[in-house]
Amino acid sequence: MLVRNNCLAKGNRRQYFMLDFNRMEVTLHIPDEVASKLSAGGDLTRRALEALALEGYREQTLTLYQVSEMLGLSRVETEDFLGQHHVPLSVITEQDLDREAALFEEASRRTR
């Protein structure tokens, strides 16, 4: 996975964005003061990506597999990440398991 973190200054605003092949690019326009405060907690791009993944999982828009793909984590690391943020693992139905298995199978074929 190739990810580049970039920050462009424009006047009193900074633009943070991530680039990766086969991935969507998202740009946020936030005031410098806000960017400075948020950056104090670590890499702002990574924190924004993690927040998006957490909220998507909470809303059951994203699966555990999709969160792990977004964040470049293993399944166990993803479960630990969710636990550290007090996000319980979703109730998994048989259909969910089938869907997850199909996603993992597809991903394993792509990496061969």
PDB file of N, CA and C in Angstrom:
ATOM      1  N   MET A   1       0.847  -1.167   0.000  1.00  0.00           N
ATOM      2  CA  MET A   1       0.000   0.000   0.000  1.00  0.00           C
ATOM      3  C   MET A   1       0.892   1.228   0.000  1.00  0.00           C
ATOM      4  N   LEU A   2       0.622   2.170  -0.885  1.00  0.00           N
ATOM      5  CA  LEU A   2       1.386   3.407  -0.957  1.00  0.00           C
ATOM      6  C   LEU A   2       0.517   4.541  -0.469  1.00  0.00           C
ATOM      7  N   VAL A   3       0.928   5.185   0.593  1.00  0.00           N
ATOM      8  CA  VAL A   3       0.168   6.303   1.142  1.00  0.00           C
ATOM      9  C   VAL A   3       1.123   7.457   1.332  1.00  0.00           C
ATOM     10  N   ARG A   4       0.723   8.616   0.892  1.00  0.00           N
ATOM     11  CA  ARG A   4       1.512   9.823   1.102  1.00  0.00           C
ATOM     12  C   ARG A   4       0.681  10.786   1.917  1.00  0.00           C
ATOM     13  N   ASN A   5       1.240  11.324   2.964  1.00  0.00           N
ATOM     14  CA  ASN A   5       0.570  12.340   3.760  1.00  0.00           C
ATOM     15  C   ASN A   5       1.075  13.690   3.292  1.00  0.00           C
ATOM     16  N   ASN A   6       0.199  14.591   3.009  1.00  0.00           N
ATOM     17  CA  ASN A   6       0.581  15.896   2.492  1.00  0.00           C
ATOM     18  C   ASN A   6      -0.134  17.000   3.251  1.00  0.00           C
ATOM     19  N   CYS A   7       0.510  18.118   3.360  1.00  0.00           N
ATOM     20  CA  CYS A   7      -0.091  19.294   3.971  1.00  0.00           C
ATOM     21  C   CYS A   7       0.289  20.484   3.111  1.00  0.00           C
ATOM     22  N   LEU A   8      -0.678  21.181   2.570  1.00  0.00           N
ATOM     23  CA  LEU A   8      -0.441  22.382   1.788  1.00  0.00           C
ATOM     24  C   LEU A   8      -0.983  23.575   2.559  1.00  0.00           C
ATOM     25  N   ALA A   9      -0.170  24.600   2.697  1.00  0.00           N
ATOM     26  CA  ALA A   9      -0.629  25.816   3.382  1.00  0.00           C
ATOM     27  C   ALA A   9      -1.238  26.743   2.345  1.00  0.00           C
ATOM     28  N   LYS A  10      -2.385  27.295   2.638  1.00  0.00           N
ATOM     29  CA  LYS A  10      -3.057  28.272   1.784  1.00  0.00           C
ATOM     30  C   LYS A  10      -3.582  29.363   2.688  1.00  0.00           C
ATOM     31  N   GLY A  11      -2.874  30.470   2.726  1.00  0.00           N
ATOM     32  CA  GLY A  11      -3.305  31.555   3.604  1.00  0.00           C
ATOM     33  C   GLY A  11      -3.298  31.074   5.034  1.00  0.00           C
ATOM     34  N   ASN A  12      -4.425  31.232   5.702  1.00  0.00           N
ATOM     35  CA  ASN A  12      -4.507  30.793   7.099  1.00  0.00           C
ATOM     36  C   ASN A  12      -5.153  29.409   7.218  1.00  0.00           C
ATOM     37  N   ARG A  13      -5.200  28.677   6.132  1.00  0.00           N
ATOM     38  CA  ARG A  13      -5.786  27.336   6.155  1.00  0.00           C
ATOM     39  C   ARG A  13      -4.778  26.327   5.650  1.00  0.00           C
ATOM     40  N   ARG A  14      -4.921  25.097   6.122  1.00  0.00           N
ATOM     41  CA  ARG A  14      -4.083  24.004   5.638  1.00  0.00           C
ATOM     42  C   ARG A  14      -4.987  22.948   5.018  1.00  0.00           C
ATOM     43  N   GLN A  15      -4.491  22.322   3.997  1.00  0.00           N
ATOM     44  CA  GLN A  15      -5.219  21.229   3.366  1.00  0.00           C
ATOM     45  C   GLN A  15      -4.456  19.940   3.659  1.00  0.00           C
ATOM     46  N   TYR A  16      -5.138  18.969   4.236  1.00  0.00           N
ATOM     47  CA  TYR A  16      -4.546  17.669   4.495  1.00  0.00           C
ATOM     48  C   TYR A  16      -5.226  16.672   3.589  1.00  0.00           C
ATOM     49  N   PHE A  17      -4.430  15.854   2.963  1.00  0.00           N
ATOM     50  CA  PHE A  17      -5.030  14.843   2.114  1.00  0.00           C
ATOM     51  C   PHE A  17      -4.119  13.634   1.998  1.00  0.00           C
ATOM     52  N   MET A  18      -4.701  12.540   1.569  1.00  0.00           N
ATOM     53  CA  MET A  18      -3.959  11.296   1.371  1.00  0.00           C
ATOM     54  C   MET A  18      -4.109  10.875  -0.078  1.00  0.00           C
ATOM     55  N   LEU A  19      -3.045  10.358  -0.630  1.00  0.00           N
ATOM     56  CA  LEU A  19      -3.073   9.820  -1.975  1.00  0.00           C
ATOM     57  C   LEU A  19      -2.738   8.341  -1.913  1.00  0.00           C
ATOM     58  N   ASP A  20      -3.437   7.554  -2.645  1.00  0.00           N
ATOM     59  CA  ASP A  20      -3.112   6.140  -2.770  1.00  0.00           C
ATOM     60  C   ASP A  20      -3.761   5.680  -4.057  1.00  0.00           C
ATOM     61  N   PHE A  21      -3.067   4.818  -4.768  1.00  0.00           N
ATOM     62  CA  PHE A  21      -3.642   4.298  -5.990  1.00  0.00           C
ATOM     63  C   PHE A  21      -4.849   3.450  -5.645  1.00  0.00           C
ATOM     64  N   ASN A  22      -5.900   3.536  -6.431  1.00  0.00           N
ATOM     65  CA  ASN A  22      -7.140   2.805  -6.239  1.00  0.00           C
ATOM     66  C   ASN A  22      -7.869   3.212  -4.970  1.00  0.00           C
ATOM     67  N   ARG A  23      -7.660   4.422  -4.536  1.00  0.00           N
ATOM     68  CA  ARG A  23      -8.343   4.918  -3.348  1.00  0.00           C
ATOM     69  C   ARG A  23      -8.835   6.330  -3.616  1.00  0.00           C
ATOM     70  N   MET A  24      -9.855   6.717  -2.897  1.00  0.00           N
ATOM     71  CA  MET A  24     -10.399   8.055  -3.030  1.00  0.00           C
ATOM     72  C   MET A  24      -9.522   9.053  -2.280  1.00  0.00           C
ATOM     73  N   GLU A  25      -9.346  10.208  -2.846  1.00  0.00           N
ATOM     74  CA  GLU A  25      -8.614  11.286  -2.195  1.00  0.00           C
ATOM     75  C   GLU A  25      -9.627  12.232  -1.560  1.00  0.00           C
ATOM     76  N   VAL A  26      -9.390  12.589  -0.305  1.00  0.00           N
ATOM     77  CA  VAL A  26     -10.279  13.496   0.411  1.00  0.00           C
ATOM     78  C   VAL A  26      -9.451  14.667   0.909  1.00  0.00           C
ATOM     79  N   THR A  27      -9.934  15.872   0.686  1.00  0.00           N
ATOM     80  CA  THR A  27      -9.242  17.070   1.140  1.00  0.00           C
ATOM     81  C   THR A  27     -10.107  17.772   2.176  1.00  0.00           C
ATOM     82  N   LEU A  28      -9.489  18.162   3.284  1.00  0.00           N
ATOM     83  CA  LEU A  28     -10.187  18.903   4.331  1.00  0.00           C
ATOM     84  C   LEU A  28      -9.609  20.307   4.396  1.00  0.00           C
ATOM     85  N   HIS A  29     -10.455  21.293   4.485  1.00  0.00           N
ATOM     86  CA  HIS A  29     -10.028  22.674   4.635  1.00  0.00           C
ATOM     87  C   HIS A  29     -10.348  23.086   6.072  1.00  0.00           C
ATOM     88  N   ILE A  30      -9.296  23.292   6.856  1.00  0.00           N
ATOM     89  CA  ILE A  30      -9.493  23.659   8.261  1.00  0.00           C
ATOM     90  C   ILE A  30      -8.553  24.809   8.605  1.00  0.00           C
ATOM     91  N   PRO A  31      -8.961  25.676   9.511  1.00  0.00           N
ATOM     92  CA  PRO A  31      -8.096  26.789   9.908  1.00  0.00           C
ATOM     93  C   PRO A  31      -6.799  26.290  10.543  1.00  0.00           C
ATOM     94  N   ASP A  32      -5.723  27.072  10.370  1.00  0.00           N
ATOM     95  CA  ASP A  32      -4.419  26.708  10.926  1.00  0.00           C
ATOM     96  C   ASP A  32      -4.484  26.431  12.417  1.00  0.00           C
ATOM     97  N   GLU A  33      -5.223  27.253  13.153  1.00  0.00           N
ATOM     98  CA  GLU A  33      -5.301  27.081  14.608  1.00  0.00           C
ATOM     99  C   GLU A  33      -5.889  25.717  14.962  1.00  0.00           C
ATOM    100  N   VAL A  34      -6.927  25.325  14.256  1.00  0.00           N
ATOM    101  CA  VAL A  34      -7.558  24.031  14.489  1.00  0.00           C
ATOM    102  C   VAL A  34      -6.591  22.914  14.086  1.00  0.00           C
ATOM    103  N   ALA A  35      -5.927  23.080  12.938  1.00  0.00           N
ATOM    104  CA  ALA A  35      -4.973  22.075  12.474  1.00  0.00           C
ATOM    105  C   ALA A  35      -3.849  21.887  13.486  1.00  0.00           C
ATOM    106  N   SER A  36      -3.368  22.974  14.057  1.00  0.00           N
ATOM    107  CA  SER A  36      -2.295  22.885  15.054  1.00  0.00           C
ATOM    108  C   SER A  36      -2.746  22.115  16.280  1.00  0.00           C
ATOM    109  N   LYS A  37      -3.944  22.405  16.759  1.00  0.00           N
ATOM    110  CA  LYS A  37      -4.459  21.710  17.942  1.00  0.00           C
ATOM    111  C   LYS A  37      -4.671  20.232  17.661  1.00  0.00           C
ATOM    112  N   LEU A  38      -5.235  19.915  16.509  1.00  0.00           N
ATOM    113  CA  LEU A  38      -5.484  18.514  16.168  1.00  0.00           C
ATOM    114  C   LEU A  38      -4.191  17.772  15.890  1.00  0.00           C
ATOM    115  N   SER A  39      -3.219  18.436  15.310  1.00  0.00           N
ATOM    116  CA  SER A  39      -1.932  17.804  15.005  1.00  0.00           C
ATOM    117  C   SER A  39      -1.131  17.489  16.254  1.00  0.00           C
ATOM    118  N   ALA A  40      -1.413  18.179  17.354  1.00  0.00           N
ATOM    119  CA  ALA A  40      -0.676  17.936  18.598  1.00  0.00           C
ATOM    120  C   ALA A  40      -0.859  16.500  19.078  1.00  0.00           C
ATOM    121  N   GLY A  41      -1.961  15.864  18.704  1.00  0.00           N
ATOM    122  CA  GLY A  41      -2.233  14.493  19.111  1.00  0.00           C
ATOM    123  C   GLY A  41      -1.622  13.452  18.193  1.00  0.00           C
ATOM    124  N   GLY A  42      -0.868  13.871  17.192  1.00  0.00           N
ATOM    125  CA  GLY A  42      -0.249  12.928  16.258  1.00  0.00           C
ATOM    126  C   GLY A  42      -0.572  13.290  14.822  1.00  0.00           C
ATOM    127  N   ASP A  43      -0.264  12.402  13.918  1.00  0.00           N
ATOM    128  CA  ASP A  43      -0.471  12.601  12.484  1.00  0.00           C
ATOM    129  C   ASP A  43      -1.953  12.857  12.202  1.00  0.00           C
ATOM    130  N   LEU A  44      -2.255  14.060  11.770  1.00  0.00           N
ATOM    131  CA  LEU A  44      -3.645  14.457  11.566  1.00  0.00           C
ATOM    132  C   LEU A  44      -4.319  13.638  10.472  1.00  0.00           C
ATOM    133  N   THR A  45      -3.594  13.334   9.418  1.00  0.00           N
ATOM    134  CA  THR A  45      -4.172  12.534   8.337  1.00  0.00           C
ATOM    135  C   THR A  45      -4.587  11.164   8.844  1.00  0.00           C
ATOM    136  N   ARG A  46      -3.707  10.541   9.611  1.00  0.00           N
ATOM    137  CA  ARG A  46      -4.005   9.208  10.160  1.00  0.00           C
ATOM    138  C   ARG A  46      -5.170   9.283  11.137  1.00  0.00           C
ATOM    139  N   ARG A  47      -5.183  10.304  11.981  1.00  0.00           N
ATOM    140  CA  ARG A  47      -6.265  10.452  12.957  1.00  0.00           C
ATOM    141  C   ARG A  47      -7.609  10.641  12.265  1.00  0.00           C
ATOM    142  N   ALA A  48      -7.633  11.405  11.173  1.00  0.00           N
ATOM    143  CA  ALA A  48      -8.878  11.614  10.424  1.00  0.00           C
ATOM    144  C   ALA A  48      -9.348  10.303   9.787  1.00  0.00           C
ATOM    145  N   LEU A  49      -8.409   9.546   9.239  1.00  0.00           N
ATOM    146  CA  LEU A  49      -8.752   8.258   8.635  1.00  0.00           C
ATOM    147  C   LEU A  49      -9.298   7.295   9.685  1.00  0.00           C
ATOM    148  N   GLU A  50      -8.655   7.261  10.846  1.00  0.00           N
ATOM    149  CA  GLU A  50      -9.116   6.394  11.927  1.00  0.00           C
ATOM    150  C   GLU A  50     -10.511   6.807  12.407  1.00  0.00           C
ATOM    151  N   ALA A  51     -10.746   8.104  12.523  1.00  0.00           N
ATOM    152  CA  ALA A  51     -12.066   8.584  12.963  1.00  0.00           C
ATOM    153  C   ALA A  51     -13.145   8.181  11.961  1.00  0.00           C
ATOM    154  N   LEU A  52     -12.833   8.292  10.684  1.00  0.00           N
ATOM    155  CA  LEU A  52     -13.783   7.907   9.650  1.00  0.00           C
ATOM    156  C   LEU A  52     -14.075   6.408   9.709  1.00  0.00           C
ATOM    157  N   ALA A  53     -13.031   5.621   9.912  1.00  0.00           N
ATOM    158  CA  ALA A  53     -13.206   4.168  10.012  1.00  0.00           C
ATOM    159  C   ALA A  53     -14.024   3.797  11.246  1.00  0.00           C
ATOM    160  N   LEU A  54     -13.721   4.427  12.378  1.00  0.00           N
ATOM    161  CA  LEU A  54     -14.466   4.150  13.615  1.00  0.00           C
ATOM    162  C   LEU A  54     -15.947   4.473  13.451  1.00  0.00           C
ATOM    163  N   GLU A  55     -16.225   5.641  12.897  1.00  0.00           N
ATOM    164  CA  GLU A  55     -17.631   6.039  12.750  1.00  0.00           C
ATOM    165  C   GLU A  55     -18.349   5.138  11.751  1.00  0.00           C
ATOM    166  N   GLY A  56     -17.675   4.775  10.663  1.00  0.00           N
ATOM    167  CA  GLY A  56     -18.277   3.865   9.684  1.00  0.00           C
ATOM    168  C   GLY A  56     -18.603   2.514  10.288  1.00  0.00           C
ATOM    169  N   TYR A  57     -17.731   2.032  11.169  1.00  0.00           N
ATOM    170  CA  TYR A  57     -17.978   0.746  11.826  1.00  0.00           C
ATOM    171  C   TYR A  57     -19.094   0.876  12.858  1.00  0.00           C
ATOM    172  N   ARG A  58     -19.081   1.961  13.626  1.00  0.00           N
ATOM    173  CA  ARG A  58     -20.155   2.185  14.616  1.00  0.00           C
ATOM    174  C   ARG A  58     -21.526   2.202  13.953  1.00  0.00           C
ATOM    175  N   GLU A  59     -21.589   2.848  12.788  1.00  0.00           N
ATOM    176  CA  GLU A  59     -22.860   2.971  12.061  1.00  0.00           C
ATOM    177  C   GLU A  59     -23.204   1.704  11.279  1.00  0.00           C
ATOM    178  N   GLN A  60     -22.307   0.734  11.309  1.00  0.00           N
ATOM    179  CA  GLN A  60     -22.441  -0.519  10.565  1.00  0.00           C
ATOM    180  C   GLN A  60     -22.488  -0.284   9.062  1.00  0.00           C
ATOM    181  N   THR A  61     -21.832   0.798   8.632  1.00  0.00           N
ATOM    182  CA  THR A  61     -21.654   1.068   7.208  1.00  0.00           C
ATOM    183  C   THR A  61     -20.457   0.288   6.690  1.00  0.00           C
ATOM    184  N   LEU A  62     -19.435   0.127   7.550  1.00  0.00           N
ATOM    185  CA  LEU A  62     -18.216  -0.597   7.205  1.00  0.00           C
ATOM    186  C   LEU A  62     -18.139  -1.893   7.989  1.00  0.00           C
ATOM    187  N   THR A  63     -17.584  -2.903   7.348  1.00  0.00           N
ATOM    188  CA  THR A  63     -17.352  -4.178   8.030  1.00  0.00           C
ATOM    189  C   THR A  63     -15.986  -4.130   8.712  1.00  0.00           C
ATOM    190  N   LEU A  64     -15.735  -5.112   9.544  1.00  0.00           N
ATOM    191  CA  LEU A  64     -14.440  -5.232  10.200  1.00  0.00           C
ATOM    192  C   LEU A  64     -13.331  -5.342   9.149  1.00  0.00           C
ATOM    193  N   TYR A  65     -13.588  -6.117   8.109  1.00  0.00           N
ATOM    194  CA  TYR A  65     -12.605  -6.268   7.038  1.00  0.00           C
ATOM    195  C   TYR A  65     -12.322  -4.922   6.360  1.00  0.00           C
ATOM    196  N   GLN A  66     -13.355  -4.158   6.078  1.00  0.00           N
ATOM    197  CA  GLN A  66     -13.166  -2.867   5.412  1.00  0.00           C
ATOM    198  C   GLN A  66     -12.382  -1.895   6.286  1.00  0.00           C
ATOM    199  N   VAL A  67     -12.629  -1.922   7.584  1.00  0.00           N
ATOM    200  CA  VAL A  67     -11.863  -1.084   8.506  1.00  0.00           C
ATOM    201  C   VAL A  67     -10.395  -1.508   8.490  1.00  0.00           C
ATOM    202  N   SER A  68     -10.149  -2.809   8.514  1.00  0.00           N
ATOM    203  CA  SER A  68      -8.763  -3.289   8.502  1.00  0.00           C
ATOM    204  C   SER A  68      -8.064  -2.900   7.198  1.00  0.00           C
ATOM    205  N   GLU A  69      -8.767  -2.954   6.088  1.00  0.00           N
ATOM    206  CA  GLU A  69      -8.197  -2.533   4.804  1.00  0.00           C
ATOM    207  C   GLU A  69      -7.899  -1.038   4.801  1.00  0.00           C
ATOM    208  N   MET A  70      -8.833  -0.240   5.295  1.00  0.00           N
ATOM    209  CA  MET A  70      -8.632   1.217   5.342  1.00  0.00           C
ATOM    210  C   MET A  70      -7.400   1.592   6.148  1.00  0.00           C
ATOM    211  N   LEU A  71      -7.219   0.905   7.270  1.00  0.00           N
ATOM    212  CA  LEU A  71      -6.163   1.274   8.204  1.00  0.00           C
ATOM    213  C   LEU A  71      -4.879   0.474   8.021  1.00  0.00           C
ATOM    214  N   GLY A  72      -4.919  -0.519   7.132  1.00  0.00           N
ATOM    215  CA  GLY A  72      -3.730  -1.327   6.905  1.00  0.00           C
ATOM    216  C   GLY A  72      -3.359  -2.182   8.103  1.00  0.00           C
ATOM    217  N   LEU A  73      -4.382  -2.698   8.780  1.00  0.00           N
ATOM    218  CA  LEU A  73      -4.175  -3.509   9.978  1.00  0.00           C
ATOM    219  C   LEU A  73      -4.636  -4.937   9.729  1.00  0.00           C
ATOM    220  N   SER A  74      -4.099  -5.863  10.513  1.00  0.00           N
ATOM    221  CA  SER A  74      -4.595  -7.237  10.477  1.00  0.00           C
ATOM    222  C   SER A  74      -5.949  -7.277  11.186  1.00  0.00           C
ATOM    223  N   ARG A  75      -6.613  -8.394  11.097  1.00  0.00           N
ATOM    224  CA  ARG A  75      -7.914  -8.533  11.776  1.00  0.00           C
ATOM    225  C   ARG A  75      -7.761  -8.362  13.284  1.00  0.00           C
ATOM    226  N   VAL A  76      -6.746  -8.996  13.865  1.00  0.00           N
ATOM    227  CA  VAL A  76      -6.523  -8.894  15.310  1.00  0.00           C
ATOM    228  C   VAL A  76      -6.188  -7.447  15.697  1.00  0.00           C
ATOM    229  N   GLU A  77      -5.334  -6.801  14.912  1.00  0.00           N
ATOM    230  CA  GLU A  77      -4.989  -5.403  15.186  1.00  0.00           C
ATOM    231  C   GLU A  77      -6.218  -4.504  15.081  1.00  0.00           C
ATOM    232  N   THR A  78      -7.092  -4.809  14.129  1.00  0.00           N
ATOM    233  CA  THR A  78      -8.327  -4.029  13.966  1.00  0.00           C
ATOM    234  C   THR A  78      -9.240  -4.217  15.169  1.00  0.00           C
ATOM    235  N   GLU A  79      -9.375  -5.441  15.640  1.00  0.00           N
ATOM    236  CA  GLU A  79     -10.194  -5.699  16.826  1.00  0.00           C
ATOM    237  C   GLU A  79      -9.613  -4.968  18.036  1.00  0.00           C
ATOM    238  N   ASP A  80      -8.279  -4.978  18.171  1.00  0.00           N
ATOM    239  CA  ASP A  80      -7.626  -4.244  19.265  1.00  0.00           C
ATOM    240  C   ASP A  80      -7.873  -2.746  19.136  1.00  0.00           C
ATOM    241  N   PHE A  81      -7.747  -2.218  17.914  1.00  0.00           N
ATOM    242  CA  PHE A  81      -7.979  -0.797  17.644  1.00  0.00           C
ATOM    243  C   PHE A  81      -9.398  -0.396  18.061  1.00  0.00           C
ATOM    244  N   LEU A  82     -10.382  -1.193  17.676  1.00  0.00           N
ATOM    245  CA  LEU A  82     -11.771  -0.896  18.041  1.00  0.00           C
ATOM    246  C   LEU A  82     -11.939  -0.929  19.560  1.00  0.00           C
ATOM    247  N   GLY A  83     -11.332  -1.922  20.209  1.00  0.00           N
ATOM    248  CA  GLY A  83     -11.416  -2.032  21.667  1.00  0.00           C
ATOM    249  C   GLY A  83     -10.784  -0.832  22.369  1.00  0.00           C
ATOM    250  N   GLN A  84      -9.642  -0.370  21.854  1.00  0.00           N
ATOM    251  CA  GLN A  84      -8.974   0.793  22.444  1.00  0.00           C
ATOM    252  C   GLN A  84      -9.836   2.043  22.364  1.00  0.00           C
ATOM    253  N   HIS A  85     -10.732   2.084  21.374  1.00  0.00           N
ATOM    254  CA  HIS A  85     -11.628   3.223  21.195  1.00  0.00           C
ATOM    255  C   HIS A  85     -13.037   2.925  21.716  1.00  0.00           C
ATOM    256  N   HIS A  86     -13.150   1.858  22.502  1.00  0.00           N
ATOM    257  CA  HIS A  86     -14.413   1.484  23.153  1.00  0.00           C
ATOM    258  C   HIS A  86     -15.543   1.277  22.156  1.00  0.00           C
ATOM    259  N   VAL A  87     -15.194   0.677  21.020  1.00  0.00           N
ATOM    260  CA  VAL A  87     -16.193   0.345  20.005  1.00  0.00           C
ATOM    261  C   VAL A  87     -16.348  -1.169  20.029  1.00  0.00           C
ATOM    262  N   PRO A  88     -17.506  -1.660  20.477  1.00  0.00           N
ATOM    263  CA  PRO A  88     -17.691  -3.114  20.552  1.00  0.00           C
ATOM    264  C   PRO A  88     -17.782  -3.731  19.166  1.00  0.00           C
ATOM    265  N   LEU A  89     -17.350  -4.980  19.082  1.00  0.00           N
ATOM    266  CA  LEU A  89     -17.509  -5.697  17.823  1.00  0.00           C
ATOM    267  C   LEU A  89     -18.995  -5.861  17.558  1.00  0.00           C
ATOM    268  N   SER A  90     -19.374  -5.701  16.322  1.00  0.00           N
ATOM    269  CA  SER A  90     -20.781  -5.799  15.948  1.00  0.00           C
ATOM    270  C   SER A  90     -21.286  -7.213  16.141  1.00  0.00           C
ATOM    271  N   VAL A  91     -22.583  -7.322  16.335  1.00  0.00           N
ATOM    272  CA  VAL A  91     -23.217  -8.634  16.359  1.00  0.00           C
ATOM    273  C   VAL A  91     -23.116  -9.181  14.942  1.00  0.00           C
ATOM    274  N   ILE A  92     -22.564 -10.369  14.828  1.00  0.00           N
ATOM    275  CA  ILE A  92     -22.299 -10.926  13.505  1.00  0.00           C
ATOM    276  C   ILE A  92     -23.323 -12.011  13.207  1.00  0.00           C
ATOM    277  N   THR A  93     -24.040 -11.822  12.110  1.00  0.00           N
ATOM    278  CA  THR A  93     -25.009 -12.814  11.658  1.00  0.00           C
ATOM    279  C   THR A  93     -24.330 -13.785  10.693  1.00  0.00           C
ATOM    280  N   GLU A  94     -25.033 -14.824  10.328  1.00  0.00           N
ATOM    281  CA  GLU A  94     -24.487 -15.781   9.371  1.00  0.00           C
ATOM    282  C   GLU A  94     -24.224 -15.105   8.025  1.00  0.00           C
ATOM    283  N   GLN A  95     -25.123 -14.198   7.630  1.00  0.00           N
ATOM    284  CA  GLN A  95     -24.925 -13.465   6.373  1.00  0.00           C
ATOM    285  C   GLN A  95     -23.673 -12.591   6.450  1.00  0.00           C
ATOM    286  N   ASP A  96     -23.454 -11.964   7.613  1.00  0.00           N
ATOM    287  CA  ASP A  96     -22.252 -11.144   7.790  1.00  0.00           C
ATOM    288  C   ASP A  96     -20.998 -11.998   7.641  1.00  0.00           C
ATOM    289  N   LEU A  97     -21.012 -13.187   8.251  1.00  0.00           N
ATOM    290  CA  LEU A  97     -19.859 -14.081   8.158  1.00  0.00           C
ATOM    291  C   LEU A  97     -19.599 -14.508   6.715  1.00  0.00           C
ATOM    292  N   ASP A  98     -20.670 -14.803   5.984  1.00  0.00           N
ATOM    293  CA  ASP A  98     -20.527 -15.179   4.579  1.00  0.00           C
ATOM    294  C   ASP A  98     -19.933 -14.024   3.770  1.00  0.00           C
ATOM    295  N   ARG A  99     -20.426 -12.817   4.020  1.00  0.00           N
ATOM    296  CA  ARG A  99     -19.927 -11.638   3.314  1.00  0.00           C
ATOM    297  C   ARG A  99     -18.454 -11.384   3.654  1.00  0.00           C
ATOM    298  N   GLU A 100     -18.100 -11.479   4.934  1.00  0.00           N
ATOM    299  CA  GLU A 100     -16.713 -11.291   5.364  1.00  0.00           C
ATOM    300  C   GLU A 100     -15.811 -12.347   4.724  1.00  0.00           C
ATOM    301  N   ALA A 101     -16.259 -13.594   4.714  1.00  0.00           N
ATOM    302  CA  ALA A 101     -15.463 -14.676   4.118  1.00  0.00           C
ATOM    303  C   ALA A 101     -15.233 -14.408   2.632  1.00  0.00           C
ATOM    304  N   ALA A 102     -16.264 -13.945   1.930  1.00  0.00           N
ATOM    305  CA  ALA A 102     -16.131 -13.633   0.499  1.00  0.00           C
ATOM    306  C   ALA A 102     -15.149 -12.478   0.290  1.00  0.00           C
ATOM    307  N   LEU A 103     -15.211 -11.465   1.141  1.00  0.00           N
ATOM    308  CA  LEU A 103     -14.281 -10.332   1.026  1.00  0.00           C
ATOM    309  C   LEU A 103     -12.840 -10.771   1.279  1.00  0.00           C
ATOM    310  N   PHE A 104     -12.621 -11.588   2.298  1.00  0.00           N
ATOM    311  CA  PHE A 104     -11.278 -12.080   2.589  1.00  0.00           C
ATOM    312  C   PHE A 104     -10.767 -12.956   1.440  1.00  0.00           C
ATOM    313  N   GLU A 105     -11.642 -13.802   0.897  1.00  0.00           N
ATOM    314  CA  GLU A 105     -11.254 -14.656  -0.225  1.00  0.00           C
ATOM    315  C   GLU A 105     -10.856 -13.817  -1.427  1.00  0.00           C
ATOM    316  N   GLU A 106     -11.639 -12.818  -1.737  1.00  0.00           N
ATOM    317  CA  GLU A 106     -11.342 -11.933  -2.865  1.00  0.00           C
ATOM    318  C   GLU A 106     -10.007 -11.212  -2.658  1.00  0.00           C
ATOM    319  N   ALA A 107      -9.788 -10.718  -1.442  1.00  0.00           N
ATOM    320  CA  ALA A 107      -8.538 -10.009  -1.139  1.00  0.00           C
ATOM    321  C   ALA A 107      -7.333 -10.939  -1.230  1.00  0.00           C
ATOM    322  N   SER A 108      -7.489 -12.174  -0.782  1.00  0.00           N
ATOM    323  CA  SER A 108      -6.361 -13.102  -0.839  1.00  0.00           C
ATOM    324  C   SER A 108      -6.012 -13.460  -2.282  1.00  0.00           C
ATOM    325  N   ARG A 109      -6.994 -13.487  -3.157  1.00  0.00           N
ATOM    326  CA  ARG A 109      -6.723 -13.748  -4.580  1.00  0.00           C
ATOM    327  C   ARG A 109      -5.975 -12.577  -5.209  1.00  0.00           C
ATOM    328  N   ARG A 110      -6.290 -11.344  -4.781  1.00  0.00           N
ATOM    329  CA  ARG A 110      -5.637 -10.158  -5.349  1.00  0.00           C
ATOM    330  C   ARG A 110      -4.172 -10.075  -4.946  1.00  0.00           C
ATOM    331  N   THR A 111      -3.820 -10.582  -3.771  1.00  0.00           N
ATOM    332  CA  THR A 111      -2.456 -10.446  -3.284  1.00  0.00           C
ATOM    333  C   THR A 111      -1.537 -11.559  -3.741  1.00  0.00           C
ATOM    334  N   ARG A 112      -2.046 -12.511  -4.452  1.00  0.00           N
ATOM    335  CA  ARG A 112      -1.195 -13.626  -4.928  1.00  0.00           C
ATOM    336  C   ARG A 112      -0.424 -13.227  -6.150  1.00  0.00           C
TER     337      ARG A 112
END
